[in-house]
Amino acid sequence: MPLILILFGIIFIDLAWQGNEAKFFELVKTSLFSGQKVGYFEWATAIFIVSLLGYSKQLRPIAIGLIVLVFIVMLDSNGNLKSLINQVKNL
């Protein structure tokens, strides 16, 4: 853990030295909370809510189906699913 904190400290010092900290934080902000496409925070929230359903034994099969659906939608949101299907067809 201390090694990770030291690494983050070195990265932030380097960003500040080069004057790129504003660009870095803007990049992190757009990655986590994107405006037009769904960002990391929205996907993590969806997976967390669906995984909470899995704690109930009666709802576990439904939760597994929803998790699979969320992952399929995650693949399809960037157009990766179509290219993956085409690659499998070309094998």
C-alpha atoms as a PDB file:
ATOM      1  CA  MET A   1       0.000   0.000   0.000  1.00  0.00           C
ATOM      2  CA  PRO A   2       2.721   2.553   0.803  1.00  0.00           C
ATOM      3  CA  LEU A   3       4.384   1.756  -2.519  1.00  0.00           C
ATOM      4  CA  ILE A   4       1.173   2.615  -4.395  1.00  0.00           C
ATOM      5  CA  LEU A   5       0.854   5.904  -2.510  1.00  0.00           C
ATOM      6  CA  ILE A   6       4.473   6.764  -3.322  1.00  0.00           C
ATOM      7  CA  LEU A   7       3.826   5.953  -6.986  1.00  0.00           C
ATOM      8  CA  PHE A   8       0.741   8.206  -7.028  1.00  0.00           C
ATOM      9  CA  GLY A   9       2.778  10.944  -5.352  1.00  0.00           C
ATOM     10  CA  ILE A  10       5.474  10.698  -8.011  1.00  0.00           C
ATOM     11  CA  ILE A  11       2.856  10.824 -10.777  1.00  0.00           C
ATOM     12  CA  PHE A  12       1.161  13.898  -9.279  1.00  0.00           C
ATOM     13  CA  ILE A  13       4.491  15.676  -8.742  1.00  0.00           C
ATOM     14  CA  ASP A  14       5.410  14.994 -12.368  1.00  0.00           C
ATOM     15  CA  LEU A  15       2.027  16.267 -13.572  1.00  0.00           C
ATOM     16  CA  ALA A  16       2.376  19.427 -11.503  1.00  0.00           C
ATOM     17  CA  TRP A  17       5.936  19.949 -12.711  1.00  0.00           C
ATOM     18  CA  GLN A  18       4.827  19.807 -16.339  1.00  0.00           C
ATOM     19  CA  GLY A  19       1.668  21.837 -15.679  1.00  0.00           C
ATOM     20  CA  ASN A  20      -0.660  19.085 -16.923  1.00  0.00           C
ATOM     21  CA  GLU A  21      -2.660  18.462 -13.763  1.00  0.00           C
ATOM     22  CA  ALA A  22      -5.750  20.230 -15.136  1.00  0.00           C
ATOM     23  CA  LYS A  23      -5.705  18.059 -18.269  1.00  0.00           C
ATOM     24  CA  PHE A  24      -5.244  14.940 -16.146  1.00  0.00           C
ATOM     25  CA  PHE A  25      -8.156  15.723 -13.842  1.00  0.00           C
ATOM     26  CA  GLU A  26     -10.354  16.598 -16.836  1.00  0.00           C
ATOM     27  CA  LEU A  27      -9.468  13.235 -18.395  1.00  0.00           C
ATOM     28  CA  VAL A  28     -10.310  11.399 -15.170  1.00  0.00           C
ATOM     29  CA  LYS A  29     -13.579  13.337 -14.866  1.00  0.00           C
ATOM     30  CA  THR A  30     -14.669  12.497 -18.412  1.00  0.00           C
ATOM     31  CA  SER A  31     -13.680   8.851 -17.925  1.00  0.00           C
ATOM     32  CA  LEU A  32     -15.661   8.461 -14.722  1.00  0.00           C
ATOM     33  CA  PHE A  33     -18.661  10.648 -15.481  1.00  0.00           C
ATOM     34  CA  SER A  34     -18.950  10.938 -19.244  1.00  0.00           C
ATOM     35  CA  GLY A  35     -21.653  13.149 -20.670  1.00  0.00           C
ATOM     36  CA  GLN A  36     -22.901  11.431 -23.816  1.00  0.00           C
ATOM     37  CA  LYS A  37     -21.800   7.832 -23.348  1.00  0.00           C
ATOM     38  CA  VAL A  38     -22.144   5.864 -20.167  1.00  0.00           C
ATOM     39  CA  GLY A  39     -19.053   6.246 -17.999  1.00  0.00           C
ATOM     40  CA  TYR A  40     -17.339   4.045 -15.470  1.00  0.00           C
ATOM     41  CA  PHE A  41     -19.403   5.298 -12.538  1.00  0.00           C
ATOM     42  CA  GLU A  42     -22.701   4.410 -14.202  1.00  0.00           C
ATOM     43  CA  TRP A  43     -21.505   0.905 -15.123  1.00  0.00           C
ATOM     44  CA  ALA A  44     -20.085   0.298 -11.641  1.00  0.00           C
ATOM     45  CA  THR A  45     -23.369   1.431 -10.091  1.00  0.00           C
ATOM     46  CA  ALA A  46     -25.378  -0.877 -12.355  1.00  0.00           C
ATOM     47  CA  ILE A  47     -23.163  -3.862 -11.554  1.00  0.00           C
ATOM     48  CA  PHE A  48     -23.290  -3.068  -7.824  1.00  0.00           C
ATOM     49  CA  ILE A  49     -27.104  -2.838  -7.763  1.00  0.00           C
ATOM     50  CA  VAL A  50     -27.542  -6.054  -9.723  1.00  0.00           C
ATOM     51  CA  SER A  51     -24.997  -7.873  -7.568  1.00  0.00           C
ATOM     52  CA  LEU A  52     -26.955  -6.867  -4.461  1.00  0.00           C
ATOM     53  CA  LEU A  53     -29.853  -8.908  -5.836  1.00  0.00           C
ATOM     54  CA  GLY A  54     -27.592 -11.960  -5.883  1.00  0.00           C
ATOM     55  CA  TYR A  55     -27.415 -12.102  -2.107  1.00  0.00           C
ATOM     56  CA  SER A  56     -30.984 -13.380  -2.002  1.00  0.00           C
ATOM     57  CA  LYS A  57     -31.193 -17.080  -2.915  1.00  0.00           C
ATOM     58  CA  GLN A  58     -34.542 -16.612  -4.649  1.00  0.00           C
ATOM     59  CA  LEU A  59     -33.255 -13.729  -6.805  1.00  0.00           C
ATOM     60  CA  ARG A  60     -29.826 -15.212  -7.621  1.00  0.00           C
ATOM     61  CA  PRO A  61     -30.822 -16.655 -11.049  1.00  0.00           C
ATOM     62  CA  ILE A  62     -32.362 -13.318 -12.027  1.00  0.00           C
ATOM     63  CA  ALA A  63     -29.250 -11.467 -10.840  1.00  0.00           C
ATOM     64  CA  ILE A  64     -26.983 -13.733 -12.895  1.00  0.00           C
ATOM     65  CA  GLY A  65     -29.099 -13.073 -15.981  1.00  0.00           C
ATOM     66  CA  LEU A  66     -29.012  -9.330 -15.372  1.00  0.00           C
ATOM     67  CA  ILE A  67     -25.226  -9.337 -14.872  1.00  0.00           C
ATOM     68  CA  VAL A  68     -24.832 -11.169 -18.187  1.00  0.00           C
ATOM     69  CA  LEU A  69     -27.136  -8.612 -19.809  1.00  0.00           C
ATOM     70  CA  VAL A  70     -25.145  -5.709 -18.342  1.00  0.00           C
ATOM     71  CA  PHE A  71     -21.884  -7.144 -19.704  1.00  0.00           C
ATOM     72  CA  ILE A  72     -23.423  -7.664 -23.147  1.00  0.00           C
ATOM     73  CA  VAL A  73     -24.648  -4.066 -23.161  1.00  0.00           C
ATOM     74  CA  MET A  74     -21.210  -2.880 -22.014  1.00  0.00           C
ATOM     75  CA  LEU A  75     -19.622  -4.660 -24.969  1.00  0.00           C
ATOM     76  CA  ASP A  76     -22.224  -3.301 -27.371  1.00  0.00           C
ATOM     77  CA  SER A  77     -22.071   0.293 -26.104  1.00  0.00           C
ATOM     78  CA  ASN A  78     -18.738   0.900 -27.845  1.00  0.00           C
ATOM     79  CA  GLY A  79     -19.547  -1.134 -30.938  1.00  0.00           C
ATOM     80  CA  ASN A  80     -17.181  -3.897 -29.819  1.00  0.00           C
ATOM     81  CA  LEU A  81     -19.825  -6.597 -29.929  1.00  0.00           C
ATOM     82  CA  LYS A  82     -20.336  -6.347 -33.689  1.00  0.00           C
ATOM     83  CA  SER A  83     -16.608  -6.515 -34.379  1.00  0.00           C
ATOM     84  CA  LEU A  84     -16.264  -9.460 -31.982  1.00  0.00           C
ATOM     85  CA  ILE A  85     -19.077 -11.333 -33.756  1.00  0.00           C
ATOM     86  CA  ASN A  86     -17.480 -10.611 -37.139  1.00  0.00           C
ATOM     87  CA  GLN A  87     -14.113 -11.913 -35.898  1.00  0.00           C
ATOM     88  CA  VAL A  88     -15.746 -15.123 -34.670  1.00  0.00           C
ATOM     89  CA  LYS A  89     -17.532 -15.559 -38.015  1.00  0.00           C
ATOM     90  CA  ASN A  90     -14.241 -15.153 -39.908  1.00  0.00           C
ATOM     91  CA  LEU A  91     -12.551 -17.963 -37.958  1.00  0.00           C
END
